[in-house]
Amino acid sequence: MIGAGHRFHGYGSLNGVYRRGQSVRGPMTSLKFASREPNRPYRVAVVVSRKVSKSAVVRNRIRRRVYAAVRVAKDGIPPGTDLVFTVFDEALAELPAAELQADIARLLQKAAGRLAG
């Protein structure tokens, strides 16, 4: 799991990312990202809608797996970046860990490229 310092807090905290952020899309997830003050830590949120799966157990499994993949790829995240992953496919719950990590790393790489240039 991601530490409390790297999570969003409060109801309106995601609104800034949705309003001013850019997005990149993968086959099963999309990433909305925005930069803020570079001396602040990055923040991550994972959104899994009830449309993805009616089962809360499956939605929470997906959320935990995405957080774990982000934790593994944290070296590629610039400081002061807000990230919101939105999951579209229930198959992410059963996807092999290596494929999930590669997918998340690919999205983070695309986002870092857009932030830099």
PDB file of N, CA and C in Angstrom:
ATOM      1  N   MET A   1       0.837  -1.180   0.000  1.00  0.00           N
ATOM      2  CA  MET A   1       0.000   0.000   0.000  1.00  0.00           C
ATOM      3  C   MET A   1       0.880   1.240   0.000  1.00  0.00           C
ATOM      4  N   ILE A   2       0.320   2.318  -0.446  1.00  0.00           N
ATOM      5  CA  ILE A   2       1.012   3.611  -0.501  1.00  0.00           C
ATOM      6  C   ILE A   2       0.840   4.300   0.853  1.00  0.00           C
ATOM      7  N   GLY A   3       1.873   4.976   1.308  1.00  0.00           N
ATOM      8  CA  GLY A   3       1.809   5.665   2.588  1.00  0.00           C
ATOM      9  C   GLY A   3       0.824   6.827   2.581  1.00  0.00           C
ATOM     10  N   ALA A   4       0.421   7.260   3.752  1.00  0.00           N
ATOM     11  CA  ALA A   4      -0.581   8.320   3.886  1.00  0.00           C
ATOM     12  C   ALA A   4      -0.112   9.638   3.278  1.00  0.00           C
ATOM     13  N   GLY A   5       1.185   9.887   3.264  1.00  0.00           N
ATOM     14  CA  GLY A   5       1.712  11.115   2.684  1.00  0.00           C
ATOM     15  C   GLY A   5       1.570  11.181   1.179  1.00  0.00           C
ATOM     16  N   HIS A   6       1.328  10.036   0.549  1.00  0.00           N
ATOM     17  CA  HIS A   6       1.211   9.973  -0.907  1.00  0.00           C
ATOM     18  C   HIS A   6      -0.224   9.742  -1.365  1.00  0.00           C
ATOM     19  N   ARG A   7      -1.176   9.986  -0.480  1.00  0.00           N
ATOM     20  CA  ARG A   7      -2.583   9.812  -0.848  1.00  0.00           C
ATOM     21  C   ARG A   7      -3.305  11.139  -0.824  1.00  0.00           C
ATOM     22  N   PHE A   8      -4.424  11.202  -1.524  1.00  0.00           N
ATOM     23  CA  PHE A   8      -5.280  12.382  -1.495  1.00  0.00           C
ATOM     24  C   PHE A   8      -6.125  12.340  -0.233  1.00  0.00           C
ATOM     25  N   HIS A   9      -6.427  13.519   0.315  1.00  0.00           N
ATOM     26  CA  HIS A   9      -7.252  13.609   1.510  1.00  0.00           C
ATOM     27  C   HIS A   9      -8.353  14.618   1.270  1.00  0.00           C
ATOM     28  N   GLY A  10      -9.550  14.286   1.636  1.00  0.00           N
ATOM     29  CA  GLY A  10     -10.674  15.209   1.509  1.00  0.00           C
ATOM     30  C   GLY A  10     -11.472  14.964   0.240  1.00  0.00           C
ATOM     31  N   TYR A  11     -12.687  15.488   0.239  1.00  0.00           N
ATOM     32  CA  TYR A  11     -13.596  15.246  -0.876  1.00  0.00           C
ATOM     33  C   TYR A  11     -13.208  16.009  -2.133  1.00  0.00           C
ATOM     34  N   GLY A  12     -12.759  17.233  -2.003  1.00  0.00           N
ATOM     35  CA  GLY A  12     -12.474  18.046  -3.184  1.00  0.00           C
ATOM     36  C   GLY A  12     -11.064  17.941  -3.702  1.00  0.00           C
ATOM     37  N   SER A  13     -10.272  17.060  -3.148  1.00  0.00           N
ATOM     38  CA  SER A  13      -8.854  17.016  -3.508  1.00  0.00           C
ATOM     39  C   SER A  13      -8.604  16.530  -4.937  1.00  0.00           C
ATOM     40  N   LEU A  14      -9.473  15.701  -5.466  1.00  0.00           N
ATOM     41  CA  LEU A  14      -9.287  15.206  -6.834  1.00  0.00           C
ATOM     42  C   LEU A  14      -9.772  16.201  -7.882  1.00  0.00           C
ATOM     43  N   ASN A  15     -10.603  17.149  -7.481  1.00  0.00           N
ATOM     44  CA  ASN A  15     -11.167  18.086  -8.451  1.00  0.00           C
ATOM     45  C   ASN A  15     -10.110  18.868  -9.210  1.00  0.00           C
ATOM     46  N   GLY A  16      -9.040  19.267  -8.546  1.00  0.00           N
ATOM     47  CA  GLY A  16      -7.976  20.011  -9.213  1.00  0.00           C
ATOM     48  C   GLY A  16      -7.324  19.206 -10.313  1.00  0.00           C
ATOM     49  N   VAL A  17      -7.126  17.928 -10.072  1.00  0.00           N
ATOM     50  CA  VAL A  17      -6.507  17.066 -11.083  1.00  0.00           C
ATOM     51  C   VAL A  17      -7.465  16.892 -12.262  1.00  0.00           C
ATOM     52  N   TYR A  18      -8.745  16.702 -11.980  1.00  0.00           N
ATOM     53  CA  TYR A  18      -9.714  16.528 -13.062  1.00  0.00           C
ATOM     54  C   TYR A  18      -9.874  17.812 -13.881  1.00  0.00           C
ATOM     55  N   ARG A  19      -9.763  18.977 -13.230  1.00  0.00           N
ATOM     56  CA  ARG A  19      -9.946  20.242 -13.942  1.00  0.00           C
ATOM     57  C   ARG A  19      -8.736  20.629 -14.773  1.00  0.00           C
ATOM     58  N   ARG A  20      -7.532  20.544 -14.206  1.00  0.00           N
ATOM     59  CA  ARG A  20      -6.369  21.072 -14.895  1.00  0.00           C
ATOM     60  C   ARG A  20      -5.403  20.001 -15.399  1.00  0.00           C
ATOM     61  N   GLY A  21      -5.747  18.740 -15.214  1.00  0.00           N
ATOM     62  CA  GLY A  21      -4.822  17.674 -15.563  1.00  0.00           C
ATOM     63  C   GLY A  21      -4.888  17.239 -17.016  1.00  0.00           C
ATOM     64  N   GLN A  22      -3.869  16.513 -17.405  1.00  0.00           N
ATOM     65  CA  GLN A  22      -3.791  15.880 -18.718  1.00  0.00           C
ATOM     66  C   GLN A  22      -4.023  14.385 -18.508  1.00  0.00           C
ATOM     67  N   SER A  23      -4.290  13.674 -19.596  1.00  0.00           N
ATOM     68  CA  SER A  23      -4.533  12.246 -19.427  1.00  0.00           C
ATOM     69  C   SER A  23      -3.816  11.434 -20.493  1.00  0.00           C
ATOM     70  N   VAL A  24      -3.473  10.216 -20.107  1.00  0.00           N
ATOM     71  CA  VAL A  24      -2.945   9.201 -21.013  1.00  0.00           C
ATOM     72  C   VAL A  24      -3.760   7.946 -20.763  1.00  0.00           C
ATOM     73  N   ARG A  25      -3.890   7.138 -21.799  1.00  0.00           N
ATOM     74  CA  ARG A  25      -4.770   5.982 -21.683  1.00  0.00           C
ATOM     75  C   ARG A  25      -4.043   4.710 -22.073  1.00  0.00           C
ATOM     76  N   GLY A  26      -4.283   3.665 -21.302  1.00  0.00           N
ATOM     77  CA  GLY A  26      -3.781   2.339 -21.596  1.00  0.00           C
ATOM     78  C   GLY A  26      -4.955   1.443 -21.955  1.00  0.00           C
ATOM     79  N   PRO A  27      -4.706   0.163 -22.164  1.00  0.00           N
ATOM     80  CA  PRO A  27      -5.795  -0.734 -22.565  1.00  0.00           C
ATOM     81  C   PRO A  27      -6.850  -0.970 -21.479  1.00  0.00           C
ATOM     82  N   MET A  28      -6.461  -0.946 -20.206  1.00  0.00           N
ATOM     83  CA  MET A  28      -7.418  -1.225 -19.133  1.00  0.00           C
ATOM     84  C   MET A  28      -7.553  -0.095 -18.122  1.00  0.00           C
ATOM     85  N   THR A  29      -6.652   0.886 -18.209  1.00  0.00           N
ATOM     86  CA  THR A  29      -6.662   1.997 -17.263  1.00  0.00           C
ATOM     87  C   THR A  29      -6.359   3.302 -17.981  1.00  0.00           C
ATOM     88  N   SER A  30      -6.734   4.388 -17.346  1.00  0.00           N
ATOM     89  CA  SER A  30      -6.279   5.692 -17.811  1.00  0.00           C
ATOM     90  C   SER A  30      -5.630   6.397 -16.634  1.00  0.00           C
ATOM     91  N   LEU A  31      -4.781   7.347 -16.944  1.00  0.00           N
ATOM     92  CA  LEU A  31      -4.065   8.099 -15.925  1.00  0.00           C
ATOM     93  C   LEU A  31      -4.285   9.574 -16.172  1.00  0.00           C
ATOM     94  N   LYS A  32      -4.852  10.233 -15.204  1.00  0.00           N
ATOM     95  CA  LYS A  32      -5.019  11.686 -15.239  1.00  0.00           C
ATOM     96  C   LYS A  32      -3.946  12.242 -14.305  1.00  0.00           C
ATOM     97  N   PHE A  33      -3.168  13.210 -14.776  1.00  0.00           N
ATOM     98  CA  PHE A  33      -2.059  13.708 -13.979  1.00  0.00           C
ATOM     99  C   PHE A  33      -1.948  15.215 -14.095  1.00  0.00           C
ATOM    100  N   ALA A  34      -1.424  15.819 -13.048  1.00  0.00           N
ATOM    101  CA  ALA A  34      -1.190  17.259 -13.006  1.00  0.00           C
ATOM    102  C   ALA A  34       0.007  17.505 -12.105  1.00  0.00           C
ATOM    103  N   SER A  35       0.733  18.555 -12.399  1.00  0.00           N
ATOM    104  CA  SER A  35       1.874  18.883 -11.544  1.00  0.00           C
ATOM    105  C   SER A  35       1.484  20.001 -10.592  1.00  0.00           C
ATOM    106  N   ARG A  36       2.160  20.023  -9.474  1.00  0.00           N
ATOM    107  CA  ARG A  36       1.982  21.081  -8.484  1.00  0.00           C
ATOM    108  C   ARG A  36       3.359  21.445  -7.976  1.00  0.00           C
ATOM    109  N   GLU A  37       3.491  21.991  -6.807  1.00  0.00           N
ATOM    110  CA  GLU A  37       4.781  22.437  -6.293  1.00  0.00           C
ATOM    111  C   GLU A  37       5.783  21.275  -6.262  1.00  0.00           C
ATOM    112  N   PRO A  38       6.979  21.459  -6.843  1.00  0.00           N
ATOM    113  CA  PRO A  38       7.931  20.339  -6.928  1.00  0.00           C
ATOM    114  C   PRO A  38       8.519  19.895  -5.590  1.00  0.00           C
ATOM    115  N   ASN A  39       8.383  20.700  -4.540  1.00  0.00           N
ATOM    116  CA  ASN A  39       8.922  20.274  -3.249  1.00  0.00           C
ATOM    117  C   ASN A  39       7.934  19.438  -2.441  1.00  0.00           C
ATOM    118  N   ARG A  40       6.742  19.206  -2.987  1.00  0.00           N
ATOM    119  CA  ARG A  40       5.722  18.378  -2.325  1.00  0.00           C
ATOM    120  C   ARG A  40       5.842  16.938  -2.816  1.00  0.00           C
ATOM    121  N   PRO A  41       5.430  15.958  -2.023  1.00  0.00           N
ATOM    122  CA  PRO A  41       5.477  14.564  -2.494  1.00  0.00           C
ATOM    123  C   PRO A  41       4.386  14.298  -3.534  1.00  0.00           C
ATOM    124  N   TYR A  42       4.605  13.262  -4.343  1.00  0.00           N
ATOM    125  CA  TYR A  42       3.572  12.880  -5.302  1.00  0.00           C
ATOM    126  C   TYR A  42       2.378  12.313  -4.539  1.00  0.00           C
ATOM    127  N   ARG A  43       1.196  12.405  -5.165  1.00  0.00           N
ATOM    128  CA  ARG A  43      -0.024  11.839  -4.581  1.00  0.00           C
ATOM    129  C   ARG A  43      -0.677  10.928  -5.617  1.00  0.00           C
ATOM    130  N   VAL A  44      -1.264   9.843  -5.144  1.00  0.00           N
ATOM    131  CA  VAL A  44      -1.872   8.844  -6.025  1.00  0.00           C
ATOM    132  C   VAL A  44      -3.266   8.504  -5.527  1.00  0.00           C
ATOM    133  N   ALA A  45      -4.202   8.350  -6.471  1.00  0.00           N
ATOM    134  CA  ALA A  45      -5.538   7.837  -6.176  1.00  0.00           C
ATOM    135  C   ALA A  45      -5.885   6.812  -7.252  1.00  0.00           C
ATOM    136  N   VAL A  46      -6.653   5.812  -6.872  1.00  0.00           N
ATOM    137  CA  VAL A  46      -7.129   4.793  -7.810  1.00  0.00           C
ATOM    138  C   VAL A  46      -8.645   4.778  -7.738  1.00  0.00           C
ATOM    139  N   VAL A  47      -9.289   4.954  -8.886  1.00  0.00           N
ATOM    140  CA  VAL A  47     -10.744   4.992  -8.962  1.00  0.00           C
ATOM    141  C   VAL A  47     -11.210   3.745  -9.694  1.00  0.00           C
ATOM    142  N   VAL A  48     -12.025   2.936  -9.022  1.00  0.00           N
ATOM    143  CA  VAL A  48     -12.604   1.735  -9.622  1.00  0.00           C
ATOM    144  C   VAL A  48     -14.112   1.841  -9.443  1.00  0.00           C
ATOM    145  N   SER A  49     -14.814   2.059 -10.524  1.00  0.00           N
ATOM    146  CA  SER A  49     -16.250   2.263 -10.480  1.00  0.00           C
ATOM    147  C   SER A  49     -17.002   0.964 -10.212  1.00  0.00           C
ATOM    148  N   ARG A  50     -18.216   1.098  -9.751  1.00  0.00           N
ATOM    149  CA  ARG A  50     -19.062  -0.069  -9.557  1.00  0.00           C
ATOM    150  C   ARG A  50     -19.440  -0.699 -10.896  1.00  0.00           C
ATOM    151  N   LYS A  51     -19.324   0.061 -11.970  1.00  0.00           N
ATOM    152  CA  LYS A  51     -19.574  -0.503 -13.299  1.00  0.00           C
ATOM    153  C   LYS A  51     -18.513  -1.527 -13.682  1.00  0.00           C
ATOM    154  N   VAL A  52     -17.322  -1.397 -13.130  1.00  0.00           N
ATOM    155  CA  VAL A  52     -16.254  -2.356 -13.402  1.00  0.00           C
ATOM    156  C   VAL A  52     -16.607  -3.709 -12.805  1.00  0.00           C
ATOM    157  N   SER A  53     -17.027  -3.699 -11.549  1.00  0.00           N
ATOM    158  CA  SER A  53     -17.437  -4.931 -10.878  1.00  0.00           C
ATOM    159  C   SER A  53     -18.425  -4.577  -9.780  1.00  0.00           C
ATOM    160  N   LYS A  54     -19.457  -5.358  -9.668  1.00  0.00           N
ATOM    161  CA  LYS A  54     -20.446  -5.130  -8.607  1.00  0.00           C
ATOM    162  C   LYS A  54     -19.902  -5.543  -7.244  1.00  0.00           C
ATOM    163  N   SER A  55     -18.903  -6.388  -7.244  1.00  0.00           N
ATOM    164  CA  SER A  55     -18.347  -6.909  -6.006  1.00  0.00           C
ATOM    165  C   SER A  55     -17.306  -5.949  -5.423  1.00  0.00           C
ATOM    166  N   ALA A  56     -17.513  -5.527  -4.195  1.00  0.00           N
ATOM    167  CA  ALA A  56     -16.548  -4.654  -3.526  1.00  0.00           C
ATOM    168  C   ALA A  56     -15.220  -5.369  -3.309  1.00  0.00           C
ATOM    169  N   VAL A  57     -15.262  -6.669  -3.134  1.00  0.00           N
ATOM    170  CA  VAL A  57     -14.042  -7.447  -2.935  1.00  0.00           C
ATOM    171  C   VAL A  57     -13.148  -7.334  -4.167  1.00  0.00           C
ATOM    172  N   VAL A  58     -13.734  -7.471  -5.346  1.00  0.00           N
ATOM    173  CA  VAL A  58     -12.969  -7.384  -6.594  1.00  0.00           C
ATOM    174  C   VAL A  58     -12.461  -5.962  -6.805  1.00  0.00           C
ATOM    175  N   ARG A  59     -13.310  -4.968  -6.566  1.00  0.00           N
ATOM    176  CA  ARG A  59     -12.879  -3.574  -6.732  1.00  0.00           C
ATOM    177  C   ARG A  59     -11.717  -3.241  -5.805  1.00  0.00           C
ATOM    178  N   ASN A  60     -11.780  -3.688  -4.561  1.00  0.00           N
ATOM    179  CA  ASN A  60     -10.690  -3.418  -3.625  1.00  0.00           C
ATOM    180  C   ASN A  60      -9.421  -4.178  -3.990  1.00  0.00           C
ATOM    181  N   ARG A  61      -9.561  -5.382  -4.524  1.00  0.00           N
ATOM    182  CA  ARG A  61      -8.396  -6.147  -4.984  1.00  0.00           C
ATOM    183  C   ARG A  61      -7.704  -5.396  -6.117  1.00  0.00           C
ATOM    184  N   ILE A  62      -8.484  -4.896  -7.058  1.00  0.00           N
ATOM    185  CA  ILE A  62      -7.924  -4.124  -8.171  1.00  0.00           C
ATOM    186  C   ILE A  62      -7.199  -2.893  -7.625  1.00  0.00           C
ATOM    187  N   ARG A  63      -7.839  -2.186  -6.726  1.00  0.00           N
ATOM    188  CA  ARG A  63      -7.252  -0.965  -6.149  1.00  0.00           C
ATOM    189  C   ARG A  63      -5.920  -1.276  -5.450  1.00  0.00           C
ATOM    190  N   ARG A  64      -5.892  -2.324  -4.653  1.00  0.00           N
ATOM    191  CA  ARG A  64      -4.661  -2.693  -3.950  1.00  0.00           C
ATOM    192  C   ARG A  64      -3.550  -3.083  -4.925  1.00  0.00           C
ATOM    193  N   ARG A  65      -3.910  -3.798  -5.986  1.00  0.00           N
ATOM    194  CA  ARG A  65      -2.914  -4.224  -6.965  1.00  0.00           C
ATOM    195  C   ARG A  65      -2.323  -3.027  -7.710  1.00  0.00           C
ATOM    196  N   VAL A  66      -3.152  -2.050  -8.042  1.00  0.00           N
ATOM    197  CA  VAL A  66      -2.650  -0.866  -8.736  1.00  0.00           C
ATOM    198  C   VAL A  66      -1.746  -0.059  -7.802  1.00  0.00           C
ATOM    199  N   TYR A  67      -2.154   0.110  -6.544  1.00  0.00           N
ATOM    200  CA  TYR A  67      -1.298   0.803  -5.576  1.00  0.00           C
ATOM    201  C   TYR A  67       0.047   0.092  -5.441  1.00  0.00           C
ATOM    202  N   ALA A  68       0.051  -1.224  -5.409  1.00  0.00           N
ATOM    203  CA  ALA A  68       1.301  -1.975  -5.286  1.00  0.00           C
ATOM    204  C   ALA A  68       2.182  -1.776  -6.515  1.00  0.00           C
ATOM    205  N   ALA A  69       1.582  -1.739  -7.704  1.00  0.00           N
ATOM    206  CA  ALA A  69       2.351  -1.524  -8.929  1.00  0.00           C
ATOM    207  C   ALA A  69       2.937  -0.113  -8.964  1.00  0.00           C
ATOM    208  N   VAL A  70       2.199   0.852  -8.452  1.00  0.00           N
ATOM    209  CA  VAL A  70       2.714   2.225  -8.382  1.00  0.00           C
ATOM    210  C   VAL A  70       3.875   2.295  -7.395  1.00  0.00           C
ATOM    211  N   ARG A  71       3.757   1.601  -6.290  1.00  0.00           N
ATOM    212  CA  ARG A  71       4.822   1.597  -5.292  1.00  0.00           C
ATOM    213  C   ARG A  71       6.114   1.021  -5.877  1.00  0.00           C
ATOM    214  N   VAL A  72       5.990  -0.007  -6.711  1.00  0.00           N
ATOM    215  CA  VAL A  72       7.171  -0.599  -7.343  1.00  0.00           C
ATOM    216  C   VAL A  72       7.805   0.387  -8.330  1.00  0.00           C
ATOM    217  N   ALA A  73       6.970   1.156  -9.034  1.00  0.00           N
ATOM    218  CA  ALA A  73       7.453   2.077 -10.073  1.00  0.00           C
ATOM    219  C   ALA A  73       7.624   3.502  -9.567  1.00  0.00           C
ATOM    220  N   LYS A  74       7.711   3.712  -8.262  1.00  0.00           N
ATOM    221  CA  LYS A  74       7.708   5.060  -7.697  1.00  0.00           C
ATOM    222  C   LYS A  74       8.927   5.884  -8.095  1.00  0.00           C
ATOM    223  N   ASP A  75      10.018   5.250  -8.503  1.00  0.00           N
ATOM    224  CA  ASP A  75      11.211   6.005  -8.886  1.00  0.00           C
ATOM    225  C   ASP A  75      10.983   6.825 -10.152  1.00  0.00           C
ATOM    226  N   GLY A  76      10.011   6.422 -10.976  1.00  0.00           N
ATOM    227  CA  GLY A  76       9.719   7.148 -12.202  1.00  0.00           C
ATOM    228  C   GLY A  76       8.722   8.278 -12.039  1.00  0.00           C
ATOM    229  N   ILE A  77       8.275   8.530 -10.812  1.00  0.00           N
ATOM    230  CA  ILE A  77       7.287   9.576 -10.576  1.00  0.00           C
ATOM    231  C   ILE A  77       8.001  10.832 -10.095  1.00  0.00           C
ATOM    232  N   PRO A  78       7.876  11.936 -10.845  1.00  0.00           N
ATOM    233  CA  PRO A  78       8.511  13.170 -10.372  1.00  0.00           C
ATOM    234  C   PRO A  78       7.815  13.705  -9.124  1.00  0.00           C
ATOM    235  N   PRO A  79       8.560  14.337  -8.220  1.00  0.00           N
ATOM    236  CA  PRO A  79       7.925  14.908  -7.028  1.00  0.00           C
ATOM    237  C   PRO A  79       6.949  16.018  -7.413  1.00  0.00           C
ATOM    238  N   GLY A  80       5.932  16.187  -6.621  1.00  0.00           N
ATOM    239  CA  GLY A  80       4.954  17.231  -6.878  1.00  0.00           C
ATOM    240  C   GLY A  80       3.965  16.887  -7.969  1.00  0.00           C
ATOM    241  N   THR A  81       3.756  15.611  -8.241  1.00  0.00           N
ATOM    242  CA  THR A  81       2.825  15.181  -9.278  1.00  0.00           C
ATOM    243  C   THR A  81       1.607  14.544  -8.629  1.00  0.00           C
ATOM    244  N   ASP A  82       0.438  14.883  -9.128  1.00  0.00           N
ATOM    245  CA  ASP A  82      -0.806  14.258  -8.691  1.00  0.00           C
ATOM    246  C   ASP A  82      -1.231  13.256  -9.766  1.00  0.00           C
ATOM    247  N   LEU A  83      -1.514  12.031  -9.367  1.00  0.00           N
ATOM    248  CA  LEU A  83      -1.875  10.957 -10.293  1.00  0.00           C
ATOM    249  C   LEU A  83      -3.215  10.361  -9.892  1.00  0.00           C
ATOM    250  N   VAL A  84      -4.109  10.197 -10.868  1.00  0.00           N
ATOM    251  CA  VAL A  84      -5.387   9.538 -10.626  1.00  0.00           C
ATOM    252  C   VAL A  84      -5.538   8.440 -11.676  1.00  0.00           C
ATOM    253  N   PHE A  85      -5.482   7.193 -11.235  1.00  0.00           N
ATOM    254  CA  PHE A  85      -5.675   6.053 -12.123  1.00  0.00           C
ATOM    255  C   PHE A  85      -7.155   5.695 -12.120  1.00  0.00           C
ATOM    256  N   THR A  86      -7.731   5.552 -13.308  1.00  0.00           N
ATOM    257  CA  THR A  86      -9.116   5.116 -13.439  1.00  0.00           C
ATOM    258  C   THR A  86      -9.115   3.766 -14.145  1.00  0.00           C
ATOM    259  N   VAL A  87      -9.723   2.777 -13.521  1.00  0.00           N
ATOM    260  CA  VAL A  87      -9.724   1.410 -14.050  1.00  0.00           C
ATOM    261  C   VAL A  87     -11.012   1.178 -14.824  1.00  0.00           C
ATOM    262  N   PHE A  88     -10.886   0.546 -16.002  1.00  0.00           N
ATOM    263  CA  PHE A  88     -12.037   0.287 -16.866  1.00  0.00           C
ATOM    264  C   PHE A  88     -12.388  -1.182 -17.015  1.00  0.00           C
ATOM    265  N   ASP A  89     -11.481  -2.075 -16.642  1.00  0.00           N
ATOM    266  CA  ASP A  89     -11.672  -3.486 -16.967  1.00  0.00           C
ATOM    267  C   ASP A  89     -11.494  -4.357 -15.723  1.00  0.00           C
ATOM    268  N   GLU A  90     -12.449  -5.239 -15.498  1.00  0.00           N
ATOM    269  CA  GLU A  90     -12.410  -6.152 -14.360  1.00  0.00           C
ATOM    270  C   GLU A  90     -11.282  -7.172 -14.486  1.00  0.00           C
ATOM    271  N   ALA A  91     -10.797  -7.404 -15.702  1.00  0.00           N
ATOM    272  CA  ALA A  91      -9.725  -8.373 -15.924  1.00  0.00           C
ATOM    273  C   ALA A  91      -8.443  -7.983 -15.204  1.00  0.00           C
ATOM    274  N   LEU A  92      -8.339  -6.747 -14.769  1.00  0.00           N
ATOM    275  CA  LEU A  92      -7.163  -6.294 -14.041  1.00  0.00           C
ATOM    276  C   LEU A  92      -6.997  -7.057 -12.727  1.00  0.00           C
ATOM    277  N   ALA A  93      -8.082  -7.579 -12.181  1.00  0.00           N
ATOM    278  CA  ALA A  93      -8.013  -8.336 -10.928  1.00  0.00           C
ATOM    279  C   ALA A  93      -7.264  -9.646 -11.103  1.00  0.00           C
ATOM    280  N   GLU A  94      -7.291 -10.214 -12.294  1.00  0.00           N
ATOM    281  CA  GLU A  94      -6.652 -11.510 -12.551  1.00  0.00           C
ATOM    282  C   GLU A  94      -5.417 -11.402 -13.429  1.00  0.00           C
ATOM    283  N   LEU A  95      -5.039 -10.206 -13.847  1.00  0.00           N
ATOM    284  CA  LEU A  95      -3.882  -9.994 -14.708  1.00  0.00           C
ATOM    285  C   LEU A  95      -2.602 -10.357 -13.949  1.00  0.00           C
ATOM    286  N   PRO A  96      -1.655 -11.038 -14.601  1.00  0.00           N
ATOM    287  CA  PRO A  96      -0.385 -11.345 -13.909  1.00  0.00           C
ATOM    288  C   PRO A  96       0.303 -10.059 -13.448  1.00  0.00           C
ATOM    289  N   ALA A  97       0.976 -10.153 -12.326  1.00  0.00           N
ATOM    290  CA  ALA A  97       1.581  -8.975 -11.703  1.00  0.00           C
ATOM    291  C   ALA A  97       2.593  -8.291 -12.619  1.00  0.00           C
ATOM    292  N   ALA A  98       3.368  -9.067 -13.353  1.00  0.00           N
ATOM    293  CA  ALA A  98       4.377  -8.474 -14.239  1.00  0.00           C
ATOM    294  C   ALA A  98       3.722  -7.633 -15.331  1.00  0.00           C
ATOM    295  N   GLU A  99       2.617  -8.117 -15.883  1.00  0.00           N
ATOM    296  CA  GLU A  99       1.914  -7.360 -16.925  1.00  0.00           C
ATOM    297  C   GLU A  99       1.297  -6.088 -16.351  1.00  0.00           C
ATOM    298  N   LEU A 100       0.731  -6.188 -15.156  1.00  0.00           N
ATOM    299  CA  LEU A 100       0.146  -5.016 -14.517  1.00  0.00           C
ATOM    300  C   LEU A 100       1.218  -3.968 -14.236  1.00  0.00           C
ATOM    301  N   GLN A 101       2.355  -4.387 -13.717  1.00  0.00           N
ATOM    302  CA  GLN A 101       3.434  -3.449 -13.438  1.00  0.00           C
ATOM    303  C   GLN A 101       3.962  -2.810 -14.717  1.00  0.00           C
ATOM    304  N   ALA A 102       4.047  -3.587 -15.790  1.00  0.00           N
ATOM    305  CA  ALA A 102       4.502  -3.031 -17.070  1.00  0.00           C
ATOM    306  C   ALA A 102       3.505  -2.010 -17.600  1.00  0.00           C
ATOM    307  N   ASP A 103       2.212  -2.281 -17.450  1.00  0.00           N
ATOM    308  CA  ASP A 103       1.177  -1.361 -17.914  1.00  0.00           C
ATOM    309  C   ASP A 103       1.219  -0.048 -17.128  1.00  0.00           C
ATOM    310  N   ILE A 104       1.348  -0.145 -15.815  1.00  0.00           N
ATOM    311  CA  ILE A 104       1.416   1.050 -14.962  1.00  0.00           C
ATOM    312  C   ILE A 104       2.694   1.830 -15.266  1.00  0.00           C
ATOM    313  N   ALA A 105       3.812   1.137 -15.429  1.00  0.00           N
ATOM    314  CA  ALA A 105       5.079   1.811 -15.740  1.00  0.00           C
ATOM    315  C   ALA A 105       4.995   2.525 -17.093  1.00  0.00           C
ATOM    316  N   ARG A 106       4.316   1.918 -18.061  1.00  0.00           N
ATOM    317  CA  ARG A 106       4.142   2.539 -19.379  1.00  0.00           C
ATOM    318  C   ARG A 106       3.334   3.828 -19.264  1.00  0.00           C
ATOM    319  N   LEU A 107       2.251   3.792 -18.493  1.00  0.00           N
ATOM    320  CA  LEU A 107       1.441   5.002 -18.296  1.00  0.00           C
ATOM    321  C   LEU A 107       2.247   6.091 -17.587  1.00  0.00           C
ATOM    322  N   LEU A 108       3.012   5.709 -16.581  1.00  0.00           N
ATOM    323  CA  LEU A 108       3.823   6.697 -15.864  1.00  0.00           C
ATOM    324  C   LEU A 108       4.899   7.301 -16.764  1.00  0.00           C
ATOM    325  N   GLN A 109       5.451   6.474 -17.651  1.00  0.00           N
ATOM    326  CA  GLN A 109       6.473   6.963 -18.586  1.00  0.00           C
ATOM    327  C   GLN A 109       5.873   7.961 -19.571  1.00  0.00           C
ATOM    328  N   LYS A 110       4.683   7.663 -20.085  1.00  0.00           N
ATOM    329  CA  LYS A 110       3.996   8.593 -20.986  1.00  0.00           C
ATOM    330  C   LYS A 110       3.702   9.920 -20.262  1.00  0.00           C
ATOM    331  N   ALA A 111       3.257   9.829 -19.022  1.00  0.00           N
ATOM    332  CA  ALA A 111       2.941  11.032 -18.261  1.00  0.00           C
ATOM    333  C   ALA A 111       4.188  11.856 -17.991  1.00  0.00           C
ATOM    334  N   ALA A 112       5.283  11.200 -17.636  1.00  0.00           N
ATOM    335  CA  ALA A 112       6.542  11.915 -17.378  1.00  0.00           C
ATOM    336  C   ALA A 112       7.033  12.605 -18.639  1.00  0.00           C
ATOM    337  N   GLY A 113       6.841  11.979 -19.781  1.00  0.00           N
ATOM    338  CA  GLY A 113       7.223  12.596 -21.056  1.00  0.00           C
ATOM    339  C   GLY A 113       6.426  13.852 -21.338  1.00  0.00           C
ATOM    340  N   ARG A 114       5.149  13.821 -21.043  1.00  0.00           N
ATOM    341  CA  ARG A 114       4.294  15.003 -21.254  1.00  0.00           C
ATOM    342  C   ARG A 114       4.607  16.106 -20.258  1.00  0.00           C
ATOM    343  N   LEU A 115       4.938  15.726 -19.012  1.00  0.00           N
ATOM    344  CA  LEU A 115       5.254  16.743 -18.006  1.00  0.00           C
ATOM    345  C   LEU A 115       6.572  17.431 -18.336  1.00  0.00           C
ATOM    346  N   ALA A 116       7.541  16.657 -18.860  1.00  0.00           N
ATOM    347  CA  ALA A 116       8.853  17.220 -19.166  1.00  0.00           C
ATOM    348  C   ALA A 116       8.829  18.100 -20.417  1.00  0.00           C
ATOM    349  N   GLY A 117       7.996  17.717 -21.378  1.00  0.00           N
ATOM    350  CA  GLY A 117       8.049  18.451 -22.653  1.00  0.00           C
ATOM    351  C   GLY A 117       6.788  18.984 -23.038  1.00  0.00           C
TER     352      GLY A 117
END
